[in-house]
């Protein structure tokens, strides 16, 4: 009876990586997701760091330029299958291209996490003569885990140095050492909280003349969506690239010692009365290998708290690079720019308050209605709808879903309301006129 030959752990790991990197129709998103979990399990076996550990027991490290996330959270990144796939593809291609130029690639990996997930899975595709690596991470625990992983995989010959260091301040030894590729994925969506910008700004000075930063580009885009659909479809309009991180901008930030980046744009008037603002994070890993909107946690969109600015006005923004990277926005909210219609303005049918009712409720999905105002006028809202013979739910649903302009709202009311006698209109208007607004 033949004995079943079991794969060694390195062979099993490399086989899973090869499957994970396949680009064919059979490799579905579900299959790639499953493989990322299997790879994570092997990484846990080798490193002793689990992606499923209790995050309340770990510690982030705060630096002068952002937060270095705890080892457990760093390990979890591998389980984002699309994110890992695109980064591994891009880094593999970049190394391959650089080998055609130099014969040997010197690569700096800053912020490796406990598993070195963006690089170690690729090592069996190259040789130590082709690729020499320097690893930096600020967490001692991550560095200890990396040593365990490369020992299990017998990959020690690839590594010229593995150091506990702050990548925003580190200097190479010897001082004249340069790198063909610098890899760092120390970011969040919108480049918030983590020190990606400062790491690239500092480390870019150690690139060769034709050296690469990976990712090659991180772009923050501003988009507007008119609140009112056109033919049941919402139009999405790109307004501006508000910030781009790449080799040139990293050099500029370093040379100018920039601590913040400011700018503005104008909301076009052709977007309608009201629009929603959205900011997207697009990542070009290398060449045409990208991560786009909502493909990973790095690409989640950011909205301005559902408060719609006024079209035709300026949106001022500031990106704070130091301390805890974050954005601030300054703009004129719709609710401050446009006053509510006065209650005594009459509709085509002669009713007071109808136009104010529309103006008040259309603001709910934009900026809301002040609680004291809603409470104060609730009696009139109920009385108005009672006279019209329209259910509150029906009119609210119409306003929320269709965002009608005033003419459309009035036309809809005319098709739904009871027939009102002139005496009923006058009686209601007297109530409005006597109301304490």
Protein backbone atom coordinates (compact mmCIF):
# COMPACT_ATOMS: atom_id res chain seq x y z
CA UNK A 1 0.00 0.00 0.00
CA UNK A 2 1.42 3.38 -1.08
CA UNK A 3 1.95 6.06 1.52
CA UNK A 4 0.27 9.38 0.88
CA UNK A 5 2.90 12.08 0.53
CA UNK A 6 1.94 15.20 2.45
CA UNK A 7 3.09 18.64 1.30
CA UNK A 8 5.51 20.47 3.53
CA UNK A 9 4.21 23.74 4.96
CA UNK A 10 6.30 25.87 2.54
CA UNK A 11 5.09 23.82 -0.44
CA UNK A 12 1.48 24.07 0.72
CA UNK A 13 1.84 27.83 1.22
CA UNK A 14 3.44 28.41 -2.19
CA UNK A 15 0.83 26.25 -3.91
CA UNK A 16 -1.98 28.27 -2.35
CA UNK A 17 -0.30 31.51 -3.43
CA UNK A 18 -0.01 30.25 -7.02
CA UNK A 19 -3.72 29.44 -7.02
CA UNK A 20 -4.57 32.78 -5.43
CA UNK A 21 -2.71 34.66 -8.18
CA UNK A 22 -4.39 32.81 -11.05
CA UNK A 23 -6.19 35.04 -13.52
CA UNK A 24 -8.79 32.95 -15.30
CA UNK A 25 -12.54 32.45 -15.41
CA UNK A 26 -12.44 29.55 -12.96
CA UNK A 27 -10.96 31.74 -10.22
CA UNK A 28 -14.14 33.32 -8.92
CA UNK A 29 -14.22 36.00 -6.25
CA UNK A 30 -15.53 33.39 -3.82
CA UNK A 31 -12.64 31.03 -4.54
CA UNK A 32 -10.10 33.79 -4.08
CA UNK A 33 -11.74 34.77 -0.81
CA UNK A 34 -11.52 31.15 0.41
CA UNK A 35 -7.83 30.98 -0.54
CA UNK A 36 -7.09 34.21 1.34
CA UNK A 37 -8.50 32.62 4.49
CA UNK A 38 -6.42 29.46 3.97
CA UNK A 39 -3.30 31.58 3.51
CA UNK A 40 -4.18 33.51 6.66
CA UNK A 41 -4.46 30.26 8.59
CA UNK A 42 -0.99 29.18 7.45
CA UNK A 43 0.42 32.58 8.33
CA UNK A 44 -1.03 32.16 11.82
CA UNK A 45 0.58 28.75 12.15
CA UNK A 46 3.97 30.18 11.18
CA UNK A 47 3.88 33.50 13.04
CA UNK A 48 1.75 32.87 16.11
CA UNK A 49 -0.21 36.06 15.29
CA UNK A 50 -3.91 35.48 14.66
CA UNK A 51 -6.14 37.69 12.55
CA UNK A 52 -9.01 36.61 14.79
CA UNK A 53 -7.47 37.69 18.09
CA UNK A 54 -9.33 40.06 20.40
CA UNK A 55 -8.44 43.55 19.14
CA UNK A 56 -9.29 45.11 22.49
CA UNK A 57 -6.15 43.47 23.86
CA UNK A 58 -3.80 44.87 21.23
CA UNK A 59 -2.19 48.28 21.02
CA UNK A 60 -1.80 50.75 18.20
CA UNK A 61 1.30 52.94 18.31
CA UNK A 62 0.81 56.68 17.87
CA UNK A 63 3.56 58.45 15.95
CA UNK A 64 4.07 62.11 15.08
CA UNK A 65 2.47 61.40 11.69
CA UNK A 66 -0.33 58.94 12.37
CA UNK A 67 -1.24 55.64 13.94
CA UNK A 68 0.62 52.37 13.34
CA UNK A 69 -2.15 49.80 13.65
CA UNK A 70 -1.83 46.83 15.99
CA UNK A 71 -0.48 43.47 14.70
CA UNK A 72 -3.89 41.74 14.73
CA UNK A 73 -5.43 44.43 12.55
CA UNK A 74 -2.45 44.30 10.22
CA UNK A 75 -2.90 40.55 9.86
CA UNK A 76 -6.55 40.96 8.89
CA UNK A 77 -5.61 42.84 5.72
CA UNK A 78 -4.71 39.56 3.97
CA UNK A 79 -8.33 38.43 4.30
CA UNK A 80 -9.46 41.26 2.03
CA UNK A 81 -9.02 39.11 -1.06
CA UNK A 82 -9.33 41.73 -3.82
CA UNK A 83 -7.04 44.13 -1.98
CA UNK A 84 -4.37 41.46 -1.46
CA UNK A 85 -4.71 40.12 -5.01
CA UNK A 86 -4.24 43.53 -6.64
CA UNK A 87 -1.29 44.50 -4.44
CA UNK A 88 0.46 41.15 -4.96
CA UNK A 89 -0.12 41.35 -8.74
CA UNK A 90 1.20 44.89 -8.88
CA UNK A 91 4.28 44.22 -6.77
CA UNK A 92 5.09 41.05 -8.71
CA UNK A 93 4.90 42.98 -12.00
CA UNK A 94 6.98 45.87 -10.65
CA UNK A 95 9.74 43.52 -9.46
CA UNK A 96 9.70 41.67 -12.79
CA UNK A 97 9.99 44.94 -14.74
CA UNK A 98 12.82 46.21 -12.56
CA UNK A 99 14.75 42.95 -13.03
CA UNK A 100 14.87 43.62 -16.78
CA UNK A 101 16.61 46.94 -16.00
CA UNK A 102 18.98 45.97 -13.21
CA UNK A 103 19.34 42.21 -12.83
CA UNK A 104 18.87 42.65 -9.08
CA UNK A 105 16.19 44.58 -7.23
CA UNK A 106 16.67 46.24 -3.85
CA UNK A 107 13.29 46.62 -2.18
CA UNK A 108 12.31 48.43 1.01
CA UNK A 109 9.12 47.22 2.70
CA UNK A 110 7.88 49.75 5.28
CA UNK A 111 5.12 48.72 7.67
CA UNK A 112 5.18 45.01 6.97
CA UNK A 113 2.72 43.95 9.66
CA UNK A 114 3.21 40.54 11.28
CA UNK A 115 3.02 38.53 8.06
CA UNK A 116 4.63 40.65 5.34
CA UNK A 117 1.49 39.86 3.37
CA UNK A 118 2.26 42.04 0.33
CA UNK A 119 5.67 40.52 -0.36
CA UNK A 120 6.47 37.23 1.37
CA UNK A 121 3.87 35.28 -0.68
CA UNK A 122 5.80 36.26 -3.86
CA UNK A 123 9.28 35.21 -2.80
CA UNK A 124 9.16 31.67 -4.21
CA UNK A 125 8.77 33.26 -7.67
CA UNK A 126 12.21 34.90 -7.44
CA UNK A 127 15.69 34.11 -6.11
CA UNK A 128 17.79 35.91 -3.49
CA UNK A 129 20.18 36.93 -6.28
CA UNK A 130 17.29 38.72 -7.98
CA UNK A 131 15.70 40.31 -4.92
CA UNK A 132 17.13 41.74 -1.70
CA UNK A 133 14.74 43.15 0.90
CA UNK A 134 14.89 45.54 3.83
CA UNK A 135 11.91 45.36 6.21
CA UNK A 136 10.80 48.06 8.63
CA UNK A 137 8.04 47.94 11.22
CA UNK A 138 7.52 49.96 14.37
CA UNK A 139 6.01 47.02 16.31
CA UNK A 140 8.54 44.68 17.93
CA UNK A 141 5.86 41.96 17.84
CA UNK A 142 5.57 42.27 14.04
CA UNK A 143 9.32 41.97 13.54
CA UNK A 144 9.48 38.85 15.71
CA UNK A 145 6.59 37.35 13.73
CA UNK A 146 8.24 38.15 10.38
CA UNK A 147 11.39 36.32 11.49
CA UNK A 148 9.29 33.24 12.32
CA UNK A 149 7.49 33.31 8.96
CA UNK A 150 10.61 33.59 6.81
CA UNK A 151 12.32 30.87 8.86
CA UNK A 152 9.38 28.50 8.34
CA UNK A 153 9.46 29.24 4.61
CA UNK A 154 13.29 29.07 4.47
CA UNK A 155 13.42 32.54 2.89
CA UNK A 156 16.11 34.13 5.09
CA UNK A 157 18.48 34.67 2.16
CA UNK A 158 16.14 37.30 0.66
CA UNK A 159 16.47 39.66 3.61
CA UNK A 160 19.41 42.00 4.05
CA UNK A 161 17.86 43.71 7.07
CA UNK A 162 14.75 43.43 9.27
CA UNK A 163 14.43 46.32 11.70
CA UNK A 164 12.17 47.73 14.38
CA UNK A 165 11.93 51.32 13.17
CA UNK A 166 9.65 54.28 12.58
CA UNK A 167 9.52 54.53 8.78
CA UNK A 168 8.87 58.29 8.94
CA UNK A 169 12.32 58.87 10.44
CA UNK A 170 14.44 55.82 9.48
CA UNK A 171 17.74 56.24 7.61
CA UNK A 172 19.50 53.47 5.69
CA UNK A 173 22.90 52.08 6.58
CA UNK A 174 25.16 52.57 4.76
CA UNK A 175 23.82 56.08 4.12
CA UNK A 176 24.35 55.87 0.36
CA UNK A 177 22.08 52.82 -0.04
CA UNK A 178 19.25 53.30 -2.54
CA UNK A 179 16.21 51.21 -3.38
CA UNK A 180 14.61 50.32 -6.69
CA UNK A 181 11.18 49.83 -5.10
CA UNK A 182 9.66 51.08 -1.85
CA UNK A 183 6.46 49.33 -0.77
CA UNK A 184 4.20 50.64 1.97
CA UNK A 185 0.51 50.09 2.54
CA UNK A 186 0.01 52.04 5.74
CA UNK A 187 -3.21 53.80 4.89
CA UNK A 188 -6.92 54.06 5.40
CA UNK A 189 -9.58 55.41 3.07
CA UNK A 190 -9.11 59.13 2.35
CA UNK A 191 -5.51 58.68 3.64
CA UNK A 192 -6.85 59.30 7.13
CA UNK A 193 -5.37 58.29 10.49
CA UNK A 194 -2.37 56.24 9.27
CA UNK A 195 1.01 57.71 8.18
CA UNK A 196 1.14 56.66 4.49
CA UNK A 197 1.79 60.20 3.23
CA UNK A 198 4.57 60.94 5.70
CA UNK A 199 6.22 57.56 5.14
CA UNK A 200 6.39 58.11 1.38
CA UNK A 201 7.43 61.75 1.81
CA UNK A 202 10.39 60.67 3.96
CA UNK A 203 11.44 57.46 2.21
CA UNK A 204 11.25 58.69 -1.41
CA UNK A 205 14.70 60.29 -0.96
CA UNK A 206 16.19 56.80 -0.79
CA UNK A 207 14.89 55.74 -4.21
CA UNK A 208 17.14 55.33 -7.22
CA UNK A 209 16.51 57.85 -10.01
CA UNK A 210 14.02 55.50 -11.68
CA UNK A 211 12.82 53.98 -8.44
CA UNK A 212 9.15 53.17 -7.77
CA UNK A 213 6.78 53.84 -4.91
CA UNK A 214 4.16 51.12 -4.52
CA UNK A 215 1.32 51.98 -4.63
CA UNK A 216 2.27 54.30 -7.48
CA UNK A 217 -0.63 56.63 -6.84
CA UNK A 218 -3.38 57.25 -4.29
CA UNK A 219 -5.95 59.74 -5.55
CA UNK A 220 -8.74 61.41 -3.58
CA UNK A 221 -11.59 62.52 -5.86
CA UNK A 222 -14.58 64.76 -5.14
CA UNK A 223 -17.88 63.70 -6.71
CA UNK A 224 -21.34 65.27 -6.65
CA UNK A 225 -24.67 63.52 -6.96
CA UNK A 226 -27.71 65.70 -7.67
CA UNK A 227 -30.32 64.88 -5.05
CA UNK A 228 -33.09 64.72 -7.62
CA UNK A 229 -32.97 61.68 -9.96
CA UNK A 230 -33.40 62.18 -13.71
CA UNK A 231 -35.63 59.48 -15.26
CA UNK A 232 -35.16 57.40 -12.09
CA UNK A 233 -31.39 57.50 -12.44
CA UNK A 234 -28.90 59.40 -10.33
CA UNK A 235 -26.15 61.28 -12.13
CA UNK A 236 -22.65 61.15 -10.61
CA UNK A 237 -20.36 64.02 -11.56
CA UNK A 238 -16.63 64.10 -10.88
CA UNK A 239 -15.65 67.56 -9.66
CA UNK A 240 -11.94 67.44 -8.89
CA UNK A 241 -8.92 65.43 -7.80
CA UNK A 242 -8.49 67.05 -4.41
CA UNK A 243 -5.22 65.30 -3.49
CA UNK A 244 -2.86 62.84 -5.15
CA UNK A 245 -0.04 60.98 -3.47
CA UNK A 246 2.68 59.80 -5.83
CA UNK A 247 6.44 60.11 -6.20
CA UNK A 248 6.37 63.77 -7.29
CA UNK A 249 3.99 64.93 -4.55
CA UNK A 250 5.92 62.94 -1.93
CA UNK A 251 9.08 64.79 -3.03
CA UNK A 252 7.27 68.13 -2.84
CA UNK A 253 5.94 67.44 0.67
CA UNK A 254 9.43 66.48 1.84
CA UNK A 255 11.25 69.39 0.20
CA UNK A 256 8.70 71.99 1.33
CA UNK A 257 8.17 70.41 4.76
CA UNK A 258 4.42 70.62 4.22
CA UNK A 259 2.24 69.83 7.22
CA UNK A 260 -1.07 70.38 5.46
CA UNK A 261 -2.56 70.63 1.99
CA UNK A 262 -5.36 73.08 1.21
CA UNK A 263 -7.61 73.80 -1.75
CA UNK A 264 -11.14 74.50 -2.91
CA UNK A 265 -13.60 73.89 -5.73
CA UNK A 266 -16.92 75.38 -6.79
CA UNK A 267 -20.09 73.31 -6.99
CA UNK A 268 -21.47 73.80 -10.53
CA UNK A 269 -24.91 75.38 -10.70
CA UNK A 270 -26.12 72.86 -13.30
CA UNK A 271 -26.32 70.18 -10.58
CA UNK A 272 -29.72 71.48 -9.49
CA UNK A 273 -30.72 73.10 -6.24
CA UNK A 274 -29.28 70.40 -4.01
CA UNK A 275 -26.52 67.82 -4.39
CA UNK A 276 -24.68 65.40 -2.16
CA UNK A 277 -20.89 65.39 -1.90
CA UNK A 278 -18.86 62.19 -1.94
CA UNK A 279 -15.11 61.66 -1.73
CA UNK A 280 -13.58 58.54 -3.28
CA UNK A 281 -10.17 56.92 -2.78
CA UNK A 282 -8.64 55.35 -5.90
CA UNK A 283 -5.39 53.38 -5.68
CA UNK A 284 -3.10 52.63 -8.61
CA UNK A 285 -0.88 49.84 -7.32
CA UNK A 286 1.26 49.65 -10.45
CA UNK A 287 0.46 50.62 -14.04
CA UNK A 288 -3.10 49.46 -14.80
CA UNK A 289 -3.48 47.36 -11.64
CA UNK A 290 -5.89 49.35 -9.47
CA UNK A 291 -8.27 49.27 -6.54
CA UNK A 292 -11.37 51.29 -7.28
CA UNK A 293 -14.45 52.46 -5.42
CA UNK A 294 -15.60 50.10 -2.66
CA UNK A 295 -13.38 47.19 -3.75
CA UNK A 296 -11.75 47.18 -0.32
CA UNK A 297 -11.85 48.98 3.00
CA UNK A 298 -9.23 51.34 1.55
CA UNK A 299 -11.73 52.50 -1.08
CA UNK A 300 -14.84 53.15 0.97
CA UNK A 301 -16.47 56.43 0.04
CA UNK A 302 -16.72 59.34 2.46
CA UNK A 303 -19.80 61.56 2.54
CA UNK A 304 -20.17 64.92 4.22
CA UNK A 305 -22.58 63.67 6.88
CA UNK A 306 -25.43 63.81 4.36
CA UNK A 307 -25.45 67.61 4.60
CA UNK A 308 -25.79 69.11 1.15
CA UNK A 309 -23.85 72.28 0.35
CA UNK A 310 -25.36 75.01 -1.80
CA UNK A 311 -24.63 74.72 -5.52
CA UNK A 312 -22.65 77.61 -6.90
CA UNK A 313 -20.69 78.05 -3.65
CA UNK A 314 -17.13 77.08 -2.72
CA UNK A 315 -16.09 73.95 -0.87
CA UNK A 316 -12.86 74.62 1.03
CA UNK A 317 -10.83 71.64 2.23
CA UNK A 318 -7.70 71.04 4.26
CA UNK A 319 -5.77 67.77 4.64
CA UNK A 320 -3.71 67.67 7.84
CA UNK A 321 -0.65 65.48 7.21
CA UNK A 322 0.98 65.50 10.66
CA UNK A 323 -0.23 64.11 13.99
CA UNK A 324 -3.44 62.27 13.08
CA UNK A 325 -3.99 62.70 9.32
CA UNK A 326 -7.51 63.90 8.61
CA UNK A 327 -9.66 66.24 6.52
CA UNK A 328 -11.66 69.32 7.40
CA UNK A 329 -14.24 70.92 5.12
CA UNK A 330 -15.71 74.38 5.18
CA UNK A 331 -18.83 75.18 3.16
CA UNK A 332 -22.21 76.80 3.40
CA UNK A 333 -24.92 74.24 4.22
CA UNK A 334 -28.15 74.45 2.28
CA UNK A 335 -30.14 75.02 5.46
CA UNK A 336 -28.14 78.16 6.27
CA UNK A 337 -28.25 79.62 2.77
CA UNK A 338 -31.92 79.18 1.93
CA UNK A 339 -34.57 80.31 4.42
CA UNK A 340 -37.81 78.39 4.73
CA UNK A 341 -40.71 79.66 2.66
CA UNK A 342 -42.92 81.90 4.78
CA UNK A 343 -46.11 80.13 5.97
CA UNK A 344 -48.44 82.81 4.59
CA UNK A 345 -47.46 82.32 0.94
CA UNK A 346 -50.49 80.88 -0.89
CA UNK A 347 -50.55 77.96 -3.29
CA UNK A 348 -52.34 78.01 -6.65
CA UNK A 349 -55.46 76.74 -4.91
CA UNK A 350 -55.19 79.55 -2.33
CA UNK A 351 -53.94 77.45 0.60
CA UNK A 352 -51.42 78.97 2.95
CA UNK A 353 -48.65 76.84 4.49
CA UNK A 354 -48.62 74.19 1.71
CA UNK A 355 -45.42 75.57 0.18
CA UNK A 356 -43.75 75.79 3.60
CA UNK A 357 -44.75 72.18 4.29
CA UNK A 358 -42.97 71.08 1.07
CA UNK A 359 -39.89 73.21 1.79
CA UNK A 360 -39.61 71.89 5.33
CA UNK A 361 -39.91 68.19 4.52
CA UNK A 362 -37.65 68.22 1.46
CA UNK A 363 -34.80 69.24 3.79
CA UNK A 364 -35.02 66.11 5.94
CA UNK A 365 -32.66 63.95 3.81
CA UNK A 366 -30.34 66.93 3.35
CA UNK A 367 -29.89 68.72 6.62
CA UNK A 368 -32.87 67.63 8.68
CA UNK A 369 -35.41 69.87 10.35
CA UNK A 370 -34.72 71.51 13.68
CA UNK A 371 -36.54 69.47 16.36
CA UNK A 372 -38.07 72.56 17.95
CA UNK A 373 -39.47 73.68 14.57
CA UNK A 374 -40.87 70.22 13.79
CA UNK A 375 -42.54 70.07 17.19
CA UNK A 376 -43.89 73.60 17.00
CA UNK A 377 -45.52 73.16 13.59
CA UNK A 378 -46.63 69.54 13.94
CA UNK A 379 -50.24 70.55 14.66
CA UNK A 380 -50.41 72.52 11.40
CA UNK A 381 -48.84 69.63 9.43
CA UNK A 382 -51.55 67.27 10.68
CA UNK A 383 -54.32 69.80 10.08
CA UNK A 384 -53.13 70.52 6.53
CA UNK A 385 -53.02 66.85 5.54
CA UNK A 386 -56.38 66.26 7.21
CA UNK A 387 -57.95 69.00 5.09
CA UNK A 388 -56.31 67.63 1.95
CA UNK A 389 -57.32 64.03 2.74
CA UNK A 390 -53.78 62.70 2.20
CA UNK A 391 -52.00 60.25 4.48
CA UNK A 392 -48.83 61.55 6.14
CA UNK A 393 -46.90 58.44 5.09
CA UNK A 394 -47.86 58.90 1.43
CA UNK A 395 -46.77 62.52 1.16
CA UNK A 396 -43.55 61.93 3.09
CA UNK A 397 -42.71 58.91 0.92
CA UNK A 398 -43.26 60.97 -2.24
CA UNK A 399 -41.02 63.82 -1.05
CA UNK A 400 -38.24 61.49 0.13
CA UNK A 401 -38.15 59.26 -2.92
CA UNK A 402 -38.78 61.79 -5.69
CA UNK A 403 -37.38 65.00 -4.20
CA UNK A 404 -39.92 66.98 -6.23
CA UNK A 405 -39.48 70.63 -7.00
CA UNK A 406 -42.31 72.90 -5.88
CA UNK A 407 -44.24 72.63 -9.14
CA UNK A 408 -44.05 68.84 -9.17
CA UNK A 409 -45.13 68.69 -5.54
CA UNK A 410 -48.12 70.94 -6.13
CA UNK A 411 -49.18 68.94 -9.21
CA UNK A 412 -48.99 65.71 -7.17
CA UNK A 413 -51.08 67.26 -4.38
CA UNK A 414 -53.73 68.33 -6.90
CA UNK A 415 -54.12 64.71 -8.11
CA UNK A 416 -54.43 63.34 -4.56
CA UNK A 417 -56.31 65.91 -2.48
CA UNK A 418 -59.96 66.27 -1.58
CA UNK A 419 -62.01 68.94 -3.28
CA UNK A 420 -61.93 71.94 -0.95
CA UNK A 421 -64.68 74.52 -0.70
CA UNK A 422 -63.65 78.16 -0.56
CA UNK A 423 -64.98 78.36 3.02
CA UNK A 424 -62.70 75.47 4.05
CA UNK A 425 -59.66 77.18 2.50
CA UNK A 426 -60.48 80.45 4.27
CA UNK A 427 -60.97 78.69 7.59
CA UNK A 428 -57.61 76.93 7.30
CA UNK A 429 -55.87 80.16 6.26
CA UNK A 430 -57.29 81.96 9.30
CA UNK A 431 -55.77 79.24 11.48
CA UNK A 432 -52.40 79.72 9.79
CA UNK A 433 -52.57 83.51 10.12
CA UNK A 434 -53.29 83.26 13.84
CA UNK A 435 -50.55 80.67 14.45
CA UNK A 436 -47.54 81.68 16.55
CA UNK A 437 -44.59 81.06 14.22
